[in-house]
């Protein structure tokens, strides 16, 4: 897992991509790049900075299967993942046609 230490929390580095299946027809790609969200992890807790947009959170196993999914509403700053998860996972945050992807180890 690649991470940068921030006190007791680790920041999750995300890549940014566009999910073409969700792109409205005829609108084309946005001109400006989208900034990746700032999310920290400690054990099974994810911490989001205040004033973030609403995301769909997916946790995927090594086979690409979604093992956990939830909506992270814009009013939430913390999400606790199920403690039954153990190992390395792909974390996805979806916001419209934007897809933010990273790796976490639980």
PDB file of N, CA and C in Angstrom:
ATOM      1  N   UNK A   1       0.839  -1.174   0.000  1.00  0.00           N
ATOM      2  CA  UNK A   1       0.000   0.000   0.000  1.00  0.00           C
ATOM      3  C   UNK A   1       0.881   1.233   0.000  1.00  0.00           C
ATOM      4  N   UNK A   2       0.637   2.138  -0.903  1.00  0.00           N
ATOM      5  CA  UNK A   2       1.356   3.403  -0.928  1.00  0.00           C
ATOM      6  C   UNK A   2       0.580   4.401  -0.092  1.00  0.00           C
ATOM      7  N   UNK A   3       1.244   5.048   0.850  1.00  0.00           N
ATOM      8  CA  UNK A   3       0.575   6.049   1.659  1.00  0.00           C
ATOM      9  C   UNK A   3       1.588   7.044   2.192  1.00  0.00           C
ATOM     10  N   UNK A   4       1.081   8.180   2.601  1.00  0.00           N
ATOM     11  CA  UNK A   4       1.901   9.203   3.208  1.00  0.00           C
ATOM     12  C   UNK A   4       1.414   9.395   4.629  1.00  0.00           C
ATOM     13  N   UNK A   5       2.290   9.272   5.617  1.00  0.00           N
ATOM     14  CA  UNK A   5       1.875   9.388   7.005  1.00  0.00           C
ATOM     15  C   UNK A   5       1.445  10.803   7.342  1.00  0.00           C
ATOM     16  N   UNK A   6       0.319  10.903   8.008  1.00  0.00           N
ATOM     17  CA  UNK A   6      -0.185  12.157   8.532  1.00  0.00           C
ATOM     18  C   UNK A   6      -0.647  11.849   9.944  1.00  0.00           C
ATOM     19  N   UNK A   7       0.193  12.142  10.922  1.00  0.00           N
ATOM     20  CA  UNK A   7      -0.083  11.813  12.313  1.00  0.00           C
ATOM     21  C   UNK A   7      -0.350  10.316  12.396  1.00  0.00           C
ATOM     22  N   UNK A   8      -1.480   9.902  13.007  1.00  0.00           N
ATOM     23  CA  UNK A   8      -1.778   8.477  13.116  1.00  0.00           C
ATOM     24  C   UNK A   8      -2.535   7.975  11.888  1.00  0.00           C
ATOM     25  N   UNK A   9      -2.976   8.873  11.047  1.00  0.00           N
ATOM     26  CA  UNK A   9      -3.760   8.521   9.871  1.00  0.00           C
ATOM     27  C   UNK A   9      -2.859   8.471   8.645  1.00  0.00           C
ATOM     28  N   UNK A  10      -3.263   7.699   7.659  1.00  0.00           N
ATOM     29  CA  UNK A  10      -2.574   7.652   6.369  1.00  0.00           C
ATOM     30  C   UNK A  10      -3.507   8.216   5.309  1.00  0.00           C
ATOM     31  N   UNK A  11      -2.946   8.998   4.395  1.00  0.00           N
ATOM     32  CA  UNK A  11      -3.748   9.530   3.299  1.00  0.00           C
ATOM     33  C   UNK A  11      -3.781   8.486   2.186  1.00  0.00           C
ATOM     34  N   UNK A  12      -4.930   8.336   1.557  1.00  0.00           N
ATOM     35  CA  UNK A  12      -5.089   7.380   0.458  1.00  0.00           C
ATOM     36  C   UNK A  12      -4.835   8.123  -0.854  1.00  0.00           C
ATOM     37  N   UNK A  13      -3.799   7.736  -1.611  1.00  0.00           N
ATOM     38  CA  UNK A  13      -3.569   8.381  -2.908  1.00  0.00           C
ATOM     39  C   UNK A  13      -4.535   7.809  -3.955  1.00  0.00           C
ATOM     40  N   UNK A  14      -5.226   8.685  -4.650  1.00  0.00           N
ATOM     41  CA  UNK A  14      -6.196   8.271  -5.662  1.00  0.00           C
ATOM     42  C   UNK A  14      -5.724   8.666  -7.052  1.00  0.00           C
ATOM     43  N   UNK A  15      -6.054   7.823  -8.032  1.00  0.00           N
ATOM     44  CA  UNK A  15      -5.944   8.208  -9.433  1.00  0.00           C
ATOM     45  C   UNK A  15      -7.325   8.668  -9.877  1.00  0.00           C
ATOM     46  N   UNK A  16      -7.367   9.515 -10.876  1.00  0.00           N
ATOM     47  CA  UNK A  16      -8.624  10.077 -11.357  1.00  0.00           C
ATOM     48  C   UNK A  16      -8.854   9.603 -12.783  1.00  0.00           C
ATOM     49  N   UNK A  17     -10.065   9.120 -13.050  1.00  0.00           N
ATOM     50  CA  UNK A  17     -10.413   8.726 -14.414  1.00  0.00           C
ATOM     51  C   UNK A  17     -11.880   9.042 -14.664  1.00  0.00           C
ATOM     52  N   UNK A  18     -12.275   8.889 -15.902  1.00  0.00           N
ATOM     53  CA  UNK A  18     -13.662   9.106 -16.304  1.00  0.00           C
ATOM     54  C   UNK A  18     -14.243   7.772 -16.710  1.00  0.00           C
ATOM     55  N   UNK A  19     -15.405   7.451 -16.154  1.00  0.00           N
ATOM     56  CA  UNK A  19     -16.117   6.232 -16.515  1.00  0.00           C
ATOM     57  C   UNK A  19     -16.991   6.564 -17.719  1.00  0.00           C
ATOM     58  N   UNK A  20     -16.543   6.155 -18.906  1.00  0.00           N
ATOM     59  CA  UNK A  20     -17.243   6.503 -20.148  1.00  0.00           C
ATOM     60  C   UNK A  20     -18.677   6.013 -20.186  1.00  0.00           C
ATOM     61  N   UNK A  21     -18.989   4.925 -19.479  1.00  0.00           N
ATOM     62  CA  UNK A  21     -20.356   4.410 -19.489  1.00  0.00           C
ATOM     63  C   UNK A  21     -21.332   5.399 -18.862  1.00  0.00           C
ATOM     64  N   UNK A  22     -20.846   6.246 -17.961  1.00  0.00           N
ATOM     65  CA  UNK A  22     -21.708   7.215 -17.299  1.00  0.00           C
ATOM     66  C   UNK A  22     -21.664   8.594 -17.949  1.00  0.00           C
ATOM     67  N   UNK A  23     -20.843   8.773 -18.962  1.00  0.00           N
ATOM     68  CA  UNK A  23     -20.696  10.070 -19.620  1.00  0.00           C
ATOM     69  C   UNK A  23     -21.935  10.354 -20.465  1.00  0.00           C
ATOM     70  N   UNK A  24     -22.586  11.508 -20.240  1.00  0.00           N
ATOM     71  CA  UNK A  24     -23.740  11.851 -21.067  1.00  0.00           C
ATOM     72  C   UNK A  24     -23.335  11.990 -22.533  1.00  0.00           C
ATOM     73  N   UNK A  25     -24.181  11.533 -23.431  1.00  0.00           N
ATOM     74  CA  UNK A  25     -23.892  11.595 -24.866  1.00  0.00           C
ATOM     75  C   UNK A  25     -23.909  13.047 -25.329  1.00  0.00           C
ATOM     76  N   UNK A  26     -22.889  13.433 -26.095  1.00  0.00           N
ATOM     77  CA  UNK A  26     -22.842  14.758 -26.680  1.00  0.00           C
ATOM     78  C   UNK A  26     -22.175  15.828 -25.838  1.00  0.00           C
ATOM     79  N   UNK A  27     -21.815  15.524 -24.593  1.00  0.00           N
ATOM     80  CA  UNK A  27     -21.202  16.547 -23.744  1.00  0.00           C
ATOM     81  C   UNK A  27     -19.691  16.601 -23.877  1.00  0.00           C
ATOM     82  N   UNK A  28     -19.056  15.535 -24.320  1.00  0.00           N
ATOM     83  CA  UNK A  28     -17.605  15.513 -24.417  1.00  0.00           C
ATOM     84  C   UNK A  28     -16.958  15.477 -23.044  1.00  0.00           C
ATOM     85  N   UNK A  29     -15.629  15.452 -23.032  1.00  0.00           N
ATOM     86  CA  UNK A  29     -14.897  15.401 -21.772  1.00  0.00           C
ATOM     87  C   UNK A  29     -14.713  16.800 -21.203  1.00  0.00           C
ATOM     88  N   UNK A  30     -14.711  16.927 -19.894  1.00  0.00           N
ATOM     89  CA  UNK A  30     -14.446  18.229 -19.279  1.00  0.00           C
ATOM     90  C   UNK A  30     -13.034  18.706 -19.622  1.00  0.00           C
ATOM     91  N   UNK A  31     -12.841  20.005 -19.684  1.00  0.00           N
ATOM     92  CA  UNK A  31     -11.543  20.573 -20.056  1.00  0.00           C
ATOM     93  C   UNK A  31     -10.561  20.600 -18.883  1.00  0.00           C
ATOM     94  N   UNK A  32     -11.050  20.879 -17.680  1.00  0.00           N
ATOM     95  CA  UNK A  32     -10.170  20.980 -16.511  1.00  0.00           C
ATOM     96  C   UNK A  32     -10.087  19.637 -15.788  1.00  0.00           C
ATOM     97  N   UNK A  33      -8.907  19.312 -15.257  1.00  0.00           N
ATOM     98  CA  UNK A  33      -8.790  18.056 -14.515  1.00  0.00           C
ATOM     99  C   UNK A  33      -9.529  18.131 -13.185  1.00  0.00           C
ATOM    100  N   UNK A  34     -10.044  17.012 -12.745  1.00  0.00           N
ATOM    101  CA  UNK A  34     -10.747  16.922 -11.472  1.00  0.00           C
ATOM    102  C   UNK A  34      -9.727  16.623 -10.383  1.00  0.00           C
ATOM    103  N   UNK A  35      -9.835  17.324  -9.260  1.00  0.00           N
ATOM    104  CA  UNK A  35      -8.933  17.073  -8.138  1.00  0.00           C
ATOM    105  C   UNK A  35      -9.412  15.843  -7.375  1.00  0.00           C
ATOM    106  N   UNK A  36      -8.481  14.970  -7.036  1.00  0.00           N
ATOM    107  CA  UNK A  36      -8.813  13.767  -6.270  1.00  0.00           C
ATOM    108  C   UNK A  36      -9.232  14.156  -4.858  1.00  0.00           C
ATOM    109  N   UNK A  37     -10.149  13.389  -4.261  1.00  0.00           N
ATOM    110  CA  UNK A  37     -10.577  13.691  -2.895  1.00  0.00           C
ATOM    111  C   UNK A  37      -9.454  13.425  -1.891  1.00  0.00           C
ATOM    112  N   UNK A  38      -9.549  14.075  -0.744  1.00  0.00           N
ATOM    113  CA  UNK A  38      -8.609  13.834   0.349  1.00  0.00           C
ATOM    114  C   UNK A  38      -9.299  12.936   1.364  1.00  0.00           C
ATOM    115  N   UNK A  39      -8.798  11.707   1.476  1.00  0.00           N
ATOM    116  CA  UNK A  39      -9.381  10.717   2.386  1.00  0.00           C
ATOM    117  C   UNK A  39      -8.248  10.093   3.187  1.00  0.00           C
ATOM    118  N   UNK A  40      -8.459  10.001   4.487  1.00  0.00           N
ATOM    119  CA  UNK A  40      -7.476   9.399   5.384  1.00  0.00           C
ATOM    120  C   UNK A  40      -8.015   8.073   5.896  1.00  0.00           C
ATOM    121  N   UNK A  41      -7.113   7.152   6.241  1.00  0.00           N
ATOM    122  CA  UNK A  41      -7.518   5.861   6.777  1.00  0.00           C
ATOM    123  C   UNK A  41      -6.705   5.551   8.030  1.00  0.00           C
ATOM    124  N   UNK A  42      -7.390   5.009   9.027  1.00  0.00           N
ATOM    125  CA  UNK A  42      -6.751   4.459  10.215  1.00  0.00           C
ATOM    126  C   UNK A  42      -7.569   3.237  10.606  1.00  0.00           C
ATOM    127  N   UNK A  43      -6.926   2.083  10.612  1.00  0.00           N
ATOM    128  CA  UNK A  43      -7.618   0.813  10.862  1.00  0.00           C
ATOM    129  C   UNK A  43      -8.778   0.680   9.879  1.00  0.00           C
ATOM    130  N   UNK A  44     -10.005   0.659  10.366  1.00  0.00           N
ATOM    131  CA  UNK A  44     -11.177   0.481   9.503  1.00  0.00           C
ATOM    132  C   UNK A  44     -11.965   1.776   9.318  1.00  0.00           C
ATOM    133  N   UNK A  45     -11.398   2.895   9.735  1.00  0.00           N
ATOM    134  CA  UNK A  45     -12.084   4.185   9.643  1.00  0.00           C
ATOM    135  C   UNK A  45     -11.536   5.011   8.490  1.00  0.00           C
ATOM    136  N   UNK A  46     -12.452   5.504   7.670  1.00  0.00           N
ATOM    137  CA  UNK A  46     -12.113   6.440   6.607  1.00  0.00           C
ATOM    138  C   UNK A  46     -12.569   7.819   7.052  1.00  0.00           C
ATOM    139  N   UNK A  47     -11.723   8.811   6.889  1.00  0.00           N
ATOM    140  CA  UNK A  47     -12.053  10.174   7.279  1.00  0.00           C
ATOM    141  C   UNK A  47     -12.006  11.068   6.046  1.00  0.00           C
ATOM    142  N   UNK A  48     -13.111  11.761   5.792  1.00  0.00           N
ATOM    143  CA  UNK A  48     -13.238  12.654   4.640  1.00  0.00           C
ATOM    144  C   UNK A  48     -13.133  14.095   5.118  1.00  0.00           C
ATOM    145  N   UNK A  49     -12.519  14.952   4.308  1.00  0.00           N
ATOM    146  CA  UNK A  49     -12.471  16.366   4.666  1.00  0.00           C
ATOM    147  C   UNK A  49     -13.884  16.938   4.588  1.00  0.00           C
ATOM    148  N   UNK A  50     -14.142  17.960   5.379  1.00  0.00           N
ATOM    149  CA  UNK A  50     -15.458  18.594   5.373  1.00  0.00           C
ATOM    150  C   UNK A  50     -15.717  19.213   4.003  1.00  0.00           C
ATOM    151  N   UNK A  51     -16.976  19.403   3.698  1.00  0.00           N
ATOM    152  CA  UNK A  51     -17.400  20.027   2.441  1.00  0.00           C
ATOM    153  C   UNK A  51     -17.024  19.221   1.207  1.00  0.00           C
ATOM    154  N   UNK A  52     -17.123  17.916   1.298  1.00  0.00           N
ATOM    155  CA  UNK A  52     -16.872  17.074   0.125  1.00  0.00           C
ATOM    156  C   UNK A  52     -18.200  16.775  -0.571  1.00  0.00           C
ATOM    157  N   UNK A  53     -18.172  16.419  -1.847  1.00  0.00           N
ATOM    158  CA  UNK A  53     -19.404  16.036  -2.534  1.00  0.00           C
ATOM    159  C   UNK A  53     -19.840  14.632  -2.119  1.00  0.00           C
ATOM    160  N   UNK A  54     -21.012  14.229  -2.558  1.00  0.00           N
ATOM    161  CA  UNK A  54     -21.504  12.877  -2.280  1.00  0.00           C
ATOM    162  C   UNK A  54     -20.786  11.885  -3.191  1.00  0.00           C
ATOM    163  N   UNK A  55     -20.371  10.758  -2.615  1.00  0.00           N
ATOM    164  CA  UNK A  55     -19.684   9.703  -3.358  1.00  0.00           C
ATOM    165  C   UNK A  55     -20.398   8.376  -3.172  1.00  0.00           C
ATOM    166  N   UNK A  56     -20.228   7.487  -4.143  1.00  0.00           N
ATOM    167  CA  UNK A  56     -20.538   6.071  -3.953  1.00  0.00           C
ATOM    168  C   UNK A  56     -19.207   5.398  -3.664  1.00  0.00           C
ATOM    169  N   UNK A  57     -19.110   4.730  -2.525  1.00  0.00           N
ATOM    170  CA  UNK A  57     -17.887   4.058  -2.094  1.00  0.00           C
ATOM    171  C   UNK A  57     -18.000   2.574  -2.390  1.00  0.00           C
ATOM    172  N   UNK A  58     -17.051   2.033  -3.150  1.00  0.00           N
ATOM    173  CA  UNK A  58     -16.966   0.596  -3.411  1.00  0.00           C
ATOM    174  C   UNK A  58     -15.619   0.082  -2.935  1.00  0.00           C
ATOM    175  N   UNK A  59     -15.630  -1.042  -2.230  1.00  0.00           N
ATOM    176  CA  UNK A  59     -14.416  -1.745  -1.854  1.00  0.00           C
ATOM    177  C   UNK A  59     -14.417  -3.036  -2.661  1.00  0.00           C
ATOM    178  N   UNK A  60     -13.340  -3.264  -3.445  1.00  0.00           N
ATOM    179  CA  UNK A  60     -13.264  -4.441  -4.317  1.00  0.00           C
ATOM    180  C   UNK A  60     -12.108  -5.335  -3.897  1.00  0.00           C
ATOM    181  N   UNK A  61     -12.329  -6.653  -4.006  1.00  0.00           N
ATOM    182  CA  UNK A  61     -11.266  -7.612  -3.691  1.00  0.00           C
ATOM    183  C   UNK A  61     -10.340  -7.780  -4.894  1.00  0.00           C
ATOM    184  N   UNK A  62      -9.382  -8.694  -4.771  1.00  0.00           N
ATOM    185  CA  UNK A  62      -8.378  -8.881  -5.833  1.00  0.00           C
ATOM    186  C   UNK A  62      -8.969  -9.386  -7.139  1.00  0.00           C
ATOM    187  N   UNK A  63     -10.184  -9.955  -7.092  1.00  0.00           N
ATOM    188  CA  UNK A  63     -10.855 -10.424  -8.303  1.00  0.00           C
ATOM    189  C   UNK A  63     -11.743  -9.350  -8.925  1.00  0.00           C
ATOM    190  N   UNK A  64     -11.774  -8.164  -8.322  1.00  0.00           N
ATOM    191  CA  UNK A  64     -12.601  -7.086  -8.837  1.00  0.00           C
ATOM    192  C   UNK A  64     -14.040  -7.140  -8.381  1.00  0.00           C
ATOM    193  N   UNK A  65     -14.351  -8.048  -7.459  1.00  0.00           N
ATOM    194  CA  UNK A  65     -15.713  -8.172  -6.935  1.00  0.00           C
ATOM    195  C   UNK A  65     -15.937  -7.140  -5.834  1.00  0.00           C
ATOM    196  N   UNK A  66     -17.085  -6.475  -5.860  1.00  0.00           N
ATOM    197  CA  UNK A  66     -17.422  -5.512  -4.812  1.00  0.00           C
ATOM    198  C   UNK A  66     -17.781  -6.283  -3.545  1.00  0.00           C
ATOM    199  N   UNK A  67     -17.016  -6.045  -2.471  1.00  0.00           N
ATOM    200  CA  UNK A  67     -17.266  -6.726  -1.197  1.00  0.00           C
ATOM    201  C   UNK A  67     -17.942  -5.798  -0.191  1.00  0.00           C
ATOM    202  N   UNK A  68     -17.956  -4.500  -0.493  1.00  0.00           N
ATOM    203  CA  UNK A  68     -18.639  -3.527   0.368  1.00  0.00           C
ATOM    204  C   UNK A  68     -18.958  -2.308  -0.476  1.00  0.00           C
ATOM    205  N   UNK A  69     -20.147  -1.751  -0.268  1.00  0.00           N
ATOM    206  CA  UNK A  69     -20.562  -0.568  -1.000  1.00  0.00           C
ATOM    207  C   UNK A  69     -21.485   0.266  -0.121  1.00  0.00           C
ATOM    208  N   UNK A  70     -21.339   1.576  -0.189  1.00  0.00           N
ATOM    209  CA  UNK A  70     -22.212   2.477   0.560  1.00  0.00           C
ATOM    210  C   UNK A  70     -22.174   3.852  -0.092  1.00  0.00           C
ATOM    211  N   UNK A  71     -23.116   4.682   0.276  1.00  0.00           N
ATOM    212  CA  UNK A  71     -23.118   6.071  -0.166  1.00  0.00           C
ATOM    213  C   UNK A  71     -22.474   6.904   0.935  1.00  0.00           C
ATOM    214  N   UNK A  72     -21.524   7.740   0.554  1.00  0.00           N
ATOM    215  CA  UNK A  72     -20.901   8.671   1.495  1.00  0.00           C
ATOM    216  C   UNK A  72     -21.548  10.030   1.231  1.00  0.00           C
ATOM    217  N   UNK A  73     -22.525  10.363   2.065  1.00  0.00           N
ATOM    218  CA  UNK A  73     -23.240  11.624   1.892  1.00  0.00           C
ATOM    219  C   UNK A  73     -22.327  12.804   2.203  1.00  0.00           C
ATOM    220  N   UNK A  74     -22.609  13.942   1.617  1.00  0.00           N
ATOM    221  CA  UNK A  74     -21.753  15.120   1.781  1.00  0.00           C
ATOM    222  C   UNK A  74     -21.691  15.602   3.224  1.00  0.00           C
ATOM    223  N   UNK A  75     -22.623  15.181   4.055  1.00  0.00           N
ATOM    224  CA  UNK A  75     -22.636  15.587   5.463  1.00  0.00           C
ATOM    225  C   UNK A  75     -21.781  14.679   6.340  1.00  0.00           C
ATOM    226  N   UNK A  76     -21.316  13.547   5.799  1.00  0.00           N
ATOM    227  CA  UNK A  76     -20.506  12.610   6.587  1.00  0.00           C
ATOM    228  C   UNK A  76     -19.023  12.959   6.487  1.00  0.00           C
ATOM    229  N   UNK A  77     -18.320  12.837   7.599  1.00  0.00           N
ATOM    230  CA  UNK A  77     -16.873  13.014   7.571  1.00  0.00           C
ATOM    231  C   UNK A  77     -16.153  11.728   7.955  1.00  0.00           C
ATOM    232  N   UNK A  78     -16.911  10.711   8.387  1.00  0.00           N
ATOM    233  CA  UNK A  78     -16.275   9.453   8.782  1.00  0.00           C
ATOM    234  C   UNK A  78     -17.144   8.269   8.351  1.00  0.00           C
ATOM    235  N   UNK A  79     -16.484   7.230   7.839  1.00  0.00           N
ATOM    236  CA  UNK A  79     -17.138   5.975   7.459  1.00  0.00           C
ATOM    237  C   UNK A  79     -16.314   4.845   8.060  1.00  0.00           C
ATOM    238  N   UNK A  80     -16.996   3.891   8.693  1.00  0.00           N
ATOM    239  CA  UNK A  80     -16.307   2.734   9.259  1.00  0.00           C
ATOM    240  C   UNK A  80     -16.555   1.529   8.365  1.00  0.00           C
ATOM    241  N   UNK A  81     -15.482   0.909   7.897  1.00  0.00           N
ATOM    242  CA  UNK A  81     -15.579  -0.284   7.056  1.00  0.00           C
ATOM    243  C   UNK A  81     -15.797  -1.512   7.934  1.00  0.00           C
ATOM    244  N   UNK A  82     -16.420  -2.566   7.386  1.00  0.00           N
ATOM    245  CA  UNK A  82     -16.646  -3.788   8.165  1.00  0.00           C
ATOM    246  C   UNK A  82     -15.328  -4.424   8.611  1.00  0.00           C
ATOM    247  N   UNK A  83     -15.273  -4.835   9.857  1.00  0.00           N
ATOM    248  CA  UNK A  83     -14.039  -5.411  10.411  1.00  0.00           C
ATOM    249  C   UNK A  83     -13.774  -6.828   9.911  1.00  0.00           C
ATOM    250  N   UNK A  84     -14.717  -7.415   9.173  1.00  0.00           N
ATOM    251  CA  UNK A  84     -14.481  -8.755   8.616  1.00  0.00           C
ATOM    252  C   UNK A  84     -13.565  -8.701   7.397  1.00  0.00           C
ATOM    253  N   UNK A  85     -13.350  -7.498   6.839  1.00  0.00           N
ATOM    254  CA  UNK A  85     -12.450  -7.351   5.697  1.00  0.00           C
ATOM    255  C   UNK A  85     -11.009  -7.420   6.179  1.00  0.00           C
ATOM    256  N   UNK A  86     -10.190  -8.153   5.448  1.00  0.00           N
ATOM    257  CA  UNK A  86      -8.779  -8.277   5.803  1.00  0.00           C
ATOM    258  C   UNK A  86      -7.969  -8.495   4.532  1.00  0.00           C
ATOM    259  N   UNK A  87      -6.893  -7.735   4.371  1.00  0.00           N
ATOM    260  CA  UNK A  87      -6.041  -7.864   3.195  1.00  0.00           C
ATOM    261  C   UNK A  87      -5.985  -6.571   2.412  1.00  0.00           C
ATOM    262  N   UNK A  88      -5.592  -6.669   1.136  1.00  0.00           N
ATOM    263  CA  UNK A  88      -5.496  -5.507   0.256  1.00  0.00           C
ATOM    264  C   UNK A  88      -6.743  -5.407  -0.615  1.00  0.00           C
ATOM    265  N   UNK A  89      -7.224  -4.185  -0.776  1.00  0.00           N
ATOM    266  CA  UNK A  89      -8.442  -3.941  -1.538  1.00  0.00           C
ATOM    267  C   UNK A  89      -8.279  -2.703  -2.410  1.00  0.00           C
ATOM    268  N   UNK A  90      -9.060  -2.666  -3.478  1.00  0.00           N
ATOM    269  CA  UNK A  90      -9.197  -1.460  -4.287  1.00  0.00           C
ATOM    270  C   UNK A  90     -10.324  -0.648  -3.665  1.00  0.00           C
ATOM    271  N   UNK A  91     -10.073   0.635  -3.476  1.00  0.00           N
ATOM    272  CA  UNK A  91     -11.123   1.531  -2.997  1.00  0.00           C
ATOM    273  C   UNK A  91     -11.506   2.445  -4.152  1.00  0.00           C
ATOM    274  N   UNK A  92     -12.800   2.521  -4.420  1.00  0.00           N
ATOM    275  CA  UNK A  92     -13.319   3.384  -5.487  1.00  0.00           C
ATOM    276  C   UNK A  92     -14.288   4.387  -4.887  1.00  0.00           C
ATOM    277  N   UNK A  93     -14.144   5.623  -5.306  1.00  0.00           N
ATOM    278  CA  UNK A  93     -15.125   6.655  -5.006  1.00  0.00           C
ATOM    279  C   UNK A  93     -15.668   7.135  -6.339  1.00  0.00           C
ATOM    280  N   UNK A  94     -16.986   7.059  -6.498  1.00  0.00           N
ATOM    281  CA  UNK A  94     -17.629   7.491  -7.741  1.00  0.00           C
ATOM    282  C   UNK A  94     -18.434   8.756  -7.480  1.00  0.00           C
ATOM    283  N   UNK A  95     -18.281   9.707  -8.393  1.00  0.00           N
ATOM    284  CA  UNK A  95     -19.040  10.947  -8.331  1.00  0.00           C
ATOM    285  C   UNK A  95     -19.464  11.260  -9.760  1.00  0.00           C
ATOM    286  N   UNK A  96     -20.694  10.897 -10.091  1.00  0.00           N
ATOM    287  CA  UNK A  96     -21.136  11.042 -11.473  1.00  0.00           C
ATOM    288  C   UNK A  96     -20.300  10.158 -12.369  1.00  0.00           C
ATOM    289  N   UNK A  97     -19.714  10.727 -13.427  1.00  0.00           N
ATOM    290  CA  UNK A  97     -18.865   9.934 -14.321  1.00  0.00           C
ATOM    291  C   UNK A  97     -17.402   9.940 -13.891  1.00  0.00           C
ATOM    292  N   UNK A  98     -17.072  10.637 -12.781  1.00  0.00           N
ATOM    293  CA  UNK A  98     -15.705  10.634 -12.256  1.00  0.00           C
ATOM    294  C   UNK A  98     -15.478   9.408 -11.388  1.00  0.00           C
ATOM    295  N   UNK A  99     -14.304   8.803 -11.535  1.00  0.00           N
ATOM    296  CA  UNK A  99     -13.938   7.616 -10.762  1.00  0.00           C
ATOM    297  C   UNK A  99     -12.567   7.855 -10.136  1.00  0.00           C
ATOM    298  N   UNK A 100     -12.517   7.752  -8.810  1.00  0.00           N
ATOM    299  CA  UNK A 100     -11.276   7.906  -8.048  1.00  0.00           C
ATOM    300  C   UNK A 100     -10.913   6.535  -7.498  1.00  0.00           C
ATOM    301  N   UNK A 101      -9.715   6.055  -7.809  1.00  0.00           N
ATOM    302  CA  UNK A 101      -9.309   4.693  -7.460  1.00  0.00           C
ATOM    303  C   UNK A 101      -8.018   4.714  -6.659  1.00  0.00           C
ATOM    304  N   UNK A 102      -7.983   3.887  -5.602  1.00  0.00           N
ATOM    305  CA  UNK A 102      -6.786   3.755  -4.780  1.00  0.00           C
ATOM    306  C   UNK A 102      -6.702   2.355  -4.195  1.00  0.00           C
ATOM    307  N   UNK A 103      -5.668   2.109  -3.396  1.00  0.00           N
ATOM    308  CA  UNK A 103      -5.460   0.823  -2.724  1.00  0.00           C
ATOM    309  C   UNK A 103      -5.430   1.040  -1.228  1.00  0.00           C
ATOM    310  N   UNK A 104      -6.039   0.110  -0.486  1.00  0.00           N
ATOM    311  CA  UNK A 104      -5.965   0.151   0.971  1.00  0.00           C
ATOM    312  C   UNK A 104      -5.625  -1.238   1.485  1.00  0.00           C
ATOM    313  N   UNK A 105      -5.035  -1.291   2.657  1.00  0.00           N
ATOM    314  CA  UNK A 105      -4.748  -2.561   3.318  1.00  0.00           C
ATOM    315  C   UNK A 105      -5.429  -2.543   4.677  1.00  0.00           C
ATOM    316  N   UNK A 106      -6.237  -3.565   4.917  1.00  0.00           N
ATOM    317  CA  UNK A 106      -6.969  -3.662   6.185  1.00  0.00           C
ATOM    318  C   UNK A 106      -6.473  -4.843   6.990  1.00  0.00           C
TER     319      UNK A 106
END
